[in-house]
Amino acid sequence: MVLELTPQQIDLLHACLAESTEELHDEVLHTDHLQMRLELREKLDRLHALQRQVEALMQQQEQPSL
């Protein structure tokens, strides 16, 4: 399945991912339970990967088409 997103949707997705990543990072730092912290860290890693993909899309949109 391929998702087609407008530039505005990509910008919004990027902003939401940045906010979610920041909040999840704070949760990882303030969680005392080791297993919970490891699970949160895995989710944070997946969010970072998604954020990098969105940033790559944003860069592609900025480049002029030939």
PDB file of N, CA and C in Angstrom:
ATOM      1  N   MET A   1       0.852  -1.176   0.000  1.00  0.00           N
ATOM      2  CA  MET A   1       0.000   0.000   0.000  1.00  0.00           C
ATOM      3  C   MET A   1       0.900   1.243   0.000  1.00  0.00           C
ATOM      4  N   VAL A   2       0.576   2.174  -0.852  1.00  0.00           N
ATOM      5  CA  VAL A   2       1.323   3.419  -0.959  1.00  0.00           C
ATOM      6  C   VAL A   2       0.414   4.569  -0.567  1.00  0.00           C
ATOM      7  N   LEU A   3       0.919   5.424   0.295  1.00  0.00           N
ATOM      8  CA  LEU A   3       0.164   6.595   0.715  1.00  0.00           C
ATOM      9  C   LEU A   3       0.639   7.804  -0.068  1.00  0.00           C
ATOM     10  N   GLU A   4      -0.273   8.522  -0.639  1.00  0.00           N
ATOM     11  CA  GLU A   4       0.042   9.778  -1.313  1.00  0.00           C
ATOM     12  C   GLU A   4      -0.324  10.909  -0.369  1.00  0.00           C
ATOM     13  N   LEU A   5       0.660  11.719   0.001  1.00  0.00           N
ATOM     14  CA  LEU A   5       0.415  12.820   0.920  1.00  0.00           C
ATOM     15  C   LEU A   5       0.751  14.146   0.257  1.00  0.00           C
ATOM     16  N   THR A   6      -0.038  15.143   0.577  1.00  0.00           N
ATOM     17  CA  THR A   6       0.249  16.486   0.086  1.00  0.00           C
ATOM     18  C   THR A   6       1.396  17.067   0.911  1.00  0.00           C
ATOM     19  N   PRO A   7       2.048  18.095   0.402  1.00  0.00           N
ATOM     20  CA  PRO A   7       3.117  18.731   1.186  1.00  0.00           C
ATOM     21  C   PRO A   7       2.633  19.204   2.560  1.00  0.00           C
ATOM     22  N   GLN A   8       1.413  19.698   2.627  1.00  0.00           N
ATOM     23  CA  GLN A   8       0.875  20.152   3.911  1.00  0.00           C
ATOM     24  C   GLN A   8       0.697  18.979   4.879  1.00  0.00           C
ATOM     25  N   GLN A   9       0.249  17.843   4.357  1.00  0.00           N
ATOM     26  CA  GLN A   9       0.070  16.670   5.204  1.00  0.00           C
ATOM     27  C   GLN A   9       1.420  16.149   5.704  1.00  0.00           C
ATOM     28  N   ILE A  10       2.418  16.199   4.860  1.00  0.00           N
ATOM     29  CA  ILE A  10       3.750  15.768   5.263  1.00  0.00           C
ATOM     30  C   ILE A  10       4.305  16.691   6.335  1.00  0.00           C
ATOM     31  N   ASP A  11       4.113  17.984   6.172  1.00  0.00           N
ATOM     32  CA  ASP A  11       4.562  18.939   7.191  1.00  0.00           C
ATOM     33  C   ASP A  11       3.874  18.676   8.528  1.00  0.00           C
ATOM     34  N   LEU A  12       2.571  18.434   8.484  1.00  0.00           N
ATOM     35  CA  LEU A  12       1.820  18.153   9.702  1.00  0.00           C
ATOM     36  C   LEU A  12       2.286  16.845  10.341  1.00  0.00           C
ATOM     37  N   LEU A  13       2.500  15.828   9.526  1.00  0.00           N
ATOM     38  CA  LEU A  13       2.993  14.550  10.020  1.00  0.00           C
ATOM     39  C   LEU A  13       4.355  14.726  10.681  1.00  0.00           C
ATOM     40  N   HIS A  14       5.220  15.503  10.063  1.00  0.00           N
ATOM     41  CA  HIS A  14       6.543  15.758  10.623  1.00  0.00           C
ATOM     42  C   HIS A  14       6.438  16.451  11.987  1.00  0.00           C
ATOM     43  N   ALA A  15       5.586  17.441  12.072  1.00  0.00           N
ATOM     44  CA  ALA A  15       5.403  18.165  13.339  1.00  0.00           C
ATOM     45  C   ALA A  15       4.849  17.240  14.421  1.00  0.00           C
ATOM     46  N   CYS A  16       3.885  16.412  14.065  1.00  0.00           N
ATOM     47  CA  CYS A  16       3.300  15.474  15.037  1.00  0.00           C
ATOM     48  C   CYS A  16       4.328  14.448  15.503  1.00  0.00           C
ATOM     49  N   LEU A  17       5.131  13.947  14.573  1.00  0.00           N
ATOM     50  CA  LEU A  17       6.166  12.987  14.943  1.00  0.00           C
ATOM     51  C   LEU A  17       7.195  13.621  15.864  1.00  0.00           C
ATOM     52  N   ALA A  18       7.575  14.856  15.582  1.00  0.00           N
ATOM     53  CA  ALA A  18       8.544  15.546  16.430  1.00  0.00           C
ATOM     54  C   ALA A  18       8.003  15.705  17.851  1.00  0.00           C
ATOM     55  N   GLU A  19       6.748  16.090  17.948  1.00  0.00           N
ATOM     56  CA  GLU A  19       6.125  16.255  19.268  1.00  0.00           C
ATOM     57  C   GLU A  19       6.012  14.920  19.997  1.00  0.00           C
ATOM     58  N   SER A  20       5.587  13.889  19.281  1.00  0.00           N
ATOM     59  CA  SER A  20       5.445  12.562  19.894  1.00  0.00           C
ATOM     60  C   SER A  20       6.791  12.018  20.341  1.00  0.00           C
ATOM     61  N   THR A  21       7.812  12.228  19.529  1.00  0.00           N
ATOM     62  CA  THR A  21       9.150  11.765  19.865  1.00  0.00           C
ATOM     63  C   THR A  21       9.641  12.444  21.129  1.00  0.00           C
ATOM     64  N   GLU A  22       9.415  13.729  21.223  1.00  0.00           N
ATOM     65  CA  GLU A  22       9.845  14.484  22.401  1.00  0.00           C
ATOM     66  C   GLU A  22       9.137  13.990  23.662  1.00  0.00           C
ATOM     67  N   GLU A  23       7.829  13.786  23.561  1.00  0.00           N
ATOM     68  CA  GLU A  23       7.062  13.311  24.718  1.00  0.00           C
ATOM     69  C   GLU A  23       7.475  11.899  25.123  1.00  0.00           C
ATOM     70  N   LEU A  24       7.689  11.036  24.139  1.00  0.00           N
ATOM     71  CA  LEU A  24       8.079   9.661  24.443  1.00  0.00           C
ATOM     72  C   LEU A  24       9.477   9.622  25.048  1.00  0.00           C
ATOM     73  N   HIS A  25      10.354  10.468  24.564  1.00  0.00           N
ATOM     74  CA  HIS A  25      11.700  10.547  25.135  1.00  0.00           C
ATOM     75  C   HIS A  25      11.629  10.929  26.617  1.00  0.00           C
ATOM     76  N   ASP A  26      10.785  11.889  26.942  1.00  0.00           N
ATOM     77  CA  ASP A  26      10.599  12.281  28.342  1.00  0.00           C
ATOM     78  C   ASP A  26      10.085  11.112  29.178  1.00  0.00           C
ATOM     79  N   GLU A  27       9.168  10.326  28.603  1.00  0.00           N
ATOM     80  CA  GLU A  27       8.632   9.167  29.323  1.00  0.00           C
ATOM     81  C   GLU A  27       9.722   8.142  29.592  1.00  0.00           C
ATOM     82  N   VAL A  28      10.580   7.915  28.581  1.00  0.00           N
ATOM     83  CA  VAL A  28      11.679   6.965  28.749  1.00  0.00           C
ATOM     84  C   VAL A  28      12.572   7.409  29.900  1.00  0.00           C
ATOM     85  N   LEU A  29      12.870   8.692  29.950  1.00  0.00           N
ATOM     86  CA  LEU A  29      13.762   9.213  30.985  1.00  0.00           C
ATOM     87  C   LEU A  29      13.174   9.115  32.382  1.00  0.00           C
ATOM     88  N   HIS A  30      11.861   9.226  32.493  1.00  0.00           N
ATOM     89  CA  HIS A  30      11.230   9.285  33.814  1.00  0.00           C
ATOM     90  C   HIS A  30      10.574   7.980  34.251  1.00  0.00           C
ATOM     91  N   THR A  31      10.761   6.907  33.466  1.00  0.00           N
ATOM     92  CA  THR A  31      10.184   5.617  33.829  1.00  0.00           C
ATOM     93  C   THR A  31      11.184   4.832  34.665  1.00  0.00           C
ATOM     94  N   ASP A  32      10.740   4.368  35.818  1.00  0.00           N
ATOM     95  CA  ASP A  32      11.624   3.639  36.729  1.00  0.00           C
ATOM     96  C   ASP A  32      11.705   2.145  36.393  1.00  0.00           C
ATOM     97  N   HIS A  33      10.639   1.585  35.876  1.00  0.00           N
ATOM     98  CA  HIS A  33      10.568   0.155  35.601  1.00  0.00           C
ATOM     99  C   HIS A  33      11.397  -0.170  34.359  1.00  0.00           C
ATOM    100  N   LEU A  34      12.402  -1.034  34.492  1.00  0.00           N
ATOM    101  CA  LEU A  34      13.342  -1.322  33.410  1.00  0.00           C
ATOM    102  C   LEU A  34      12.657  -1.879  32.169  1.00  0.00           C
ATOM    103  N   GLN A  35      11.781  -2.872  32.319  1.00  0.00           N
ATOM    104  CA  GLN A  35      11.124  -3.482  31.163  1.00  0.00           C
ATOM    105  C   GLN A  35      10.279  -2.453  30.418  1.00  0.00           C
ATOM    106  N   MET A  36       9.567  -1.626  31.143  1.00  0.00           N
ATOM    107  CA  MET A  36       8.751  -0.580  30.529  1.00  0.00           C
ATOM    108  C   MET A  36       9.646   0.399  29.772  1.00  0.00           C
ATOM    109  N   ARG A  37      10.770   0.749  30.363  1.00  0.00           N
ATOM    110  CA  ARG A  37      11.696   1.689  29.720  1.00  0.00           C
ATOM    111  C   ARG A  37      12.235   1.100  28.416  1.00  0.00           C
ATOM    112  N   LEU A  38      12.548  -0.206  28.422  1.00  0.00           N
ATOM    113  CA  LEU A  38      13.037  -0.856  27.203  1.00  0.00           C
ATOM    114  C   LEU A  38      11.977  -0.861  26.109  1.00  0.00           C
ATOM    115  N   GLU A  39      10.736  -1.125  26.476  1.00  0.00           N
ATOM    116  CA  GLU A  39       9.638  -1.118  25.507  1.00  0.00           C
ATOM    117  C   GLU A  39       9.421   0.286  24.942  1.00  0.00           C
ATOM    118  N   LEU A  40       9.472   1.286  25.819  1.00  0.00           N
ATOM    119  CA  LEU A  40       9.321   2.665  25.359  1.00  0.00           C
ATOM    120  C   LEU A  40      10.467   3.063  24.441  1.00  0.00           C
ATOM    121  N   ARG A  41      11.676   2.608  24.749  1.00  0.00           N
ATOM    122  CA  ARG A  41      12.839   2.908  23.920  1.00  0.00           C
ATOM    123  C   ARG A  41      12.664   2.309  22.521  1.00  0.00           C
ATOM    124  N   GLU A  42      12.112   1.089  22.431  1.00  0.00           N
ATOM    125  CA  GLU A  42      11.851   0.465  21.129  1.00  0.00           C
ATOM    126  C   GLU A  42      10.852   1.298  20.323  1.00  0.00           C
ATOM    127  N   LYS A  43       9.812   1.757  20.980  1.00  0.00           N
ATOM    128  CA  LYS A  43       8.824   2.604  20.306  1.00  0.00           C
ATOM    129  C   LYS A  43       9.459   3.907  19.845  1.00  0.00           C
ATOM    130  N   LEU A  44      10.307   4.466  20.682  1.00  0.00           N
ATOM    131  CA  LEU A  44      10.997   5.703  20.337  1.00  0.00           C
ATOM    132  C   LEU A  44      11.893   5.486  19.119  1.00  0.00           C
ATOM    133  N   ASP A  45      12.579   4.376  19.068  1.00  0.00           N
ATOM    134  CA  ASP A  45      13.427   4.066  17.912  1.00  0.00           C
ATOM    135  C   ASP A  45      12.600   3.959  16.631  1.00  0.00           C
ATOM    136  N   ARG A  46      11.424   3.336  16.729  1.00  0.00           N
ATOM    137  CA  ARG A  46      10.545   3.229  15.551  1.00  0.00           C
ATOM    138  C   ARG A  46      10.041   4.602  15.119  1.00  0.00           C
ATOM    139  N   LEU A  47       9.717   5.449  16.099  1.00  0.00           N
ATOM    140  CA  LEU A  47       9.285   6.813  15.772  1.00  0.00           C
ATOM    141  C   LEU A  47      10.399   7.596  15.088  1.00  0.00           C
ATOM    142  N   HIS A  48      11.620   7.438  15.565  1.00  0.00           N
ATOM    143  CA  HIS A  48      12.753   8.121  14.932  1.00  0.00           C
ATOM    144  C   HIS A  48      12.933   7.651  13.484  1.00  0.00           C
ATOM    145  N   ALA A  49      12.788   6.355  13.241  1.00  0.00           N
ATOM    146  CA  ALA A  49      12.909   5.826  11.884  1.00  0.00           C
ATOM    147  C   ALA A  49      11.830   6.415  10.986  1.00  0.00           C
ATOM    148  N   LEU A  50      10.618   6.484  11.487  1.00  0.00           N
ATOM    149  CA  LEU A  50       9.515   7.077  10.733  1.00  0.00           C
ATOM    150  C   LEU A  50       9.776   8.554  10.456  1.00  0.00           C
ATOM    151  N   GLN A  51      10.298   9.234  11.448  1.00  0.00           N
ATOM    152  CA  GLN A  51      10.605  10.652  11.296  1.00  0.00           C
ATOM    153  C   GLN A  51      11.669  10.867  10.205  1.00  0.00           C
ATOM    154  N   ARG A  52      12.675   9.995  10.147  1.00  0.00           N
ATOM    155  CA  ARG A  52      13.696  10.101   9.104  1.00  0.00           C
ATOM    156  C   ARG A  52      13.088   9.888   7.718  1.00  0.00           C
ATOM    157  N   GLN A  53      12.136   8.959   7.607  1.00  0.00           N
ATOM    158  CA  GLN A  53      11.469   8.719   6.327  1.00  0.00           C
ATOM    159  C   GLN A  53      10.687   9.946   5.886  1.00  0.00           C
ATOM    160  N   VAL A  54       9.991  10.572   6.817  1.00  0.00           N
ATOM    161  CA  VAL A  54       9.214  11.768   6.501  1.00  0.00           C
ATOM    162  C   VAL A  54      10.149  12.904   6.101  1.00  0.00           C
ATOM    163  N   GLU A  55      11.274  13.032   6.786  1.00  0.00           N
ATOM    164  CA  GLU A  55      12.235  14.076   6.437  1.00  0.00           C
ATOM    165  C   GLU A  55      12.801  13.848   5.039  1.00  0.00           C
ATOM    166  N   ALA A  56      13.008  12.589   4.661  1.00  0.00           N
ATOM    167  CA  ALA A  56      13.473  12.278   3.307  1.00  0.00           C
ATOM    168  C   ALA A  56      12.420  12.692   2.282  1.00  0.00           C
ATOM    169  N   LEU A  57      11.153  12.446   2.588  1.00  0.00           N
ATOM    170  CA  LEU A  57      10.067  12.884   1.705  1.00  0.00           C
ATOM    171  C   LEU A  57      10.051  14.404   1.558  1.00  0.00           C
ATOM    172  N   MET A  58      10.282  15.084   2.660  1.00  0.00           N
ATOM    173  CA  MET A  58      10.286  16.542   2.636  1.00  0.00           C
ATOM    174  C   MET A  58      11.424  17.055   1.754  1.00  0.00           C
ATOM    175  N   GLN A  59      12.570  16.412   1.826  1.00  0.00           N
ATOM    176  CA  GLN A  59      13.705  16.812   0.998  1.00  0.00           C
ATOM    177  C   GLN A  59      13.424  16.554  -0.472  1.00  0.00           C
ATOM    178  N   GLN A  60      12.759  15.438  -0.770  1.00  0.00           N
ATOM    179  CA  GLN A  60      12.400  15.126  -2.157  1.00  0.00           C
ATOM    180  C   GLN A  60      11.473  16.193  -2.722  1.00  0.00           C
ATOM    181  N   GLN A  61      10.543  16.670  -1.904  1.00  0.00           N
ATOM    182  CA  GLN A  61       9.601  17.685  -2.369  1.00  0.00           C
ATOM    183  C   GLN A  61      10.287  19.012  -2.623  1.00  0.00           C
ATOM    184  N   GLU A  62      11.343  19.283  -1.874  1.00  0.00           N
ATOM    185  CA  GLU A  62      12.045  20.551  -2.032  1.00  0.00           C
ATOM    186  C   GLU A  62      12.878  20.582  -3.310  1.00  0.00           C
ATOM    187  N   GLN A  63      13.278  19.418  -3.801  1.00  0.00           N
ATOM    188  CA  GLN A  63      14.088  19.354  -5.003  1.00  0.00           C
ATOM    189  C   GLN A  63      13.211  19.542  -6.226  1.00  0.00           C
ATOM    190  N   PRO A  64      13.645  20.384  -7.161  1.00  0.00           N
ATOM    191  CA  PRO A  64      12.841  20.590  -8.370  1.00  0.00           C
ATOM    192  C   PRO A  64      12.835  19.339  -9.252  1.00  0.00           C
ATOM    193  N   SER A  65      11.711  19.086  -9.865  1.00  0.00           N
ATOM    194  CA  SER A  65      11.573  17.952 -10.777  1.00  0.00           C
ATOM    195  C   SER A  65      12.251  18.286 -12.097  1.00  0.00           C
ATOM    196  N   LEU A  66      12.833  17.258 -12.703  1.00  0.00           N
ATOM    197  CA  LEU A  66      13.480  17.456 -14.001  1.00  0.00           C
ATOM    198  C   LEU A  66      12.582  17.088 -15.134  1.00  0.00           C
TER     199      LEU A  66
END
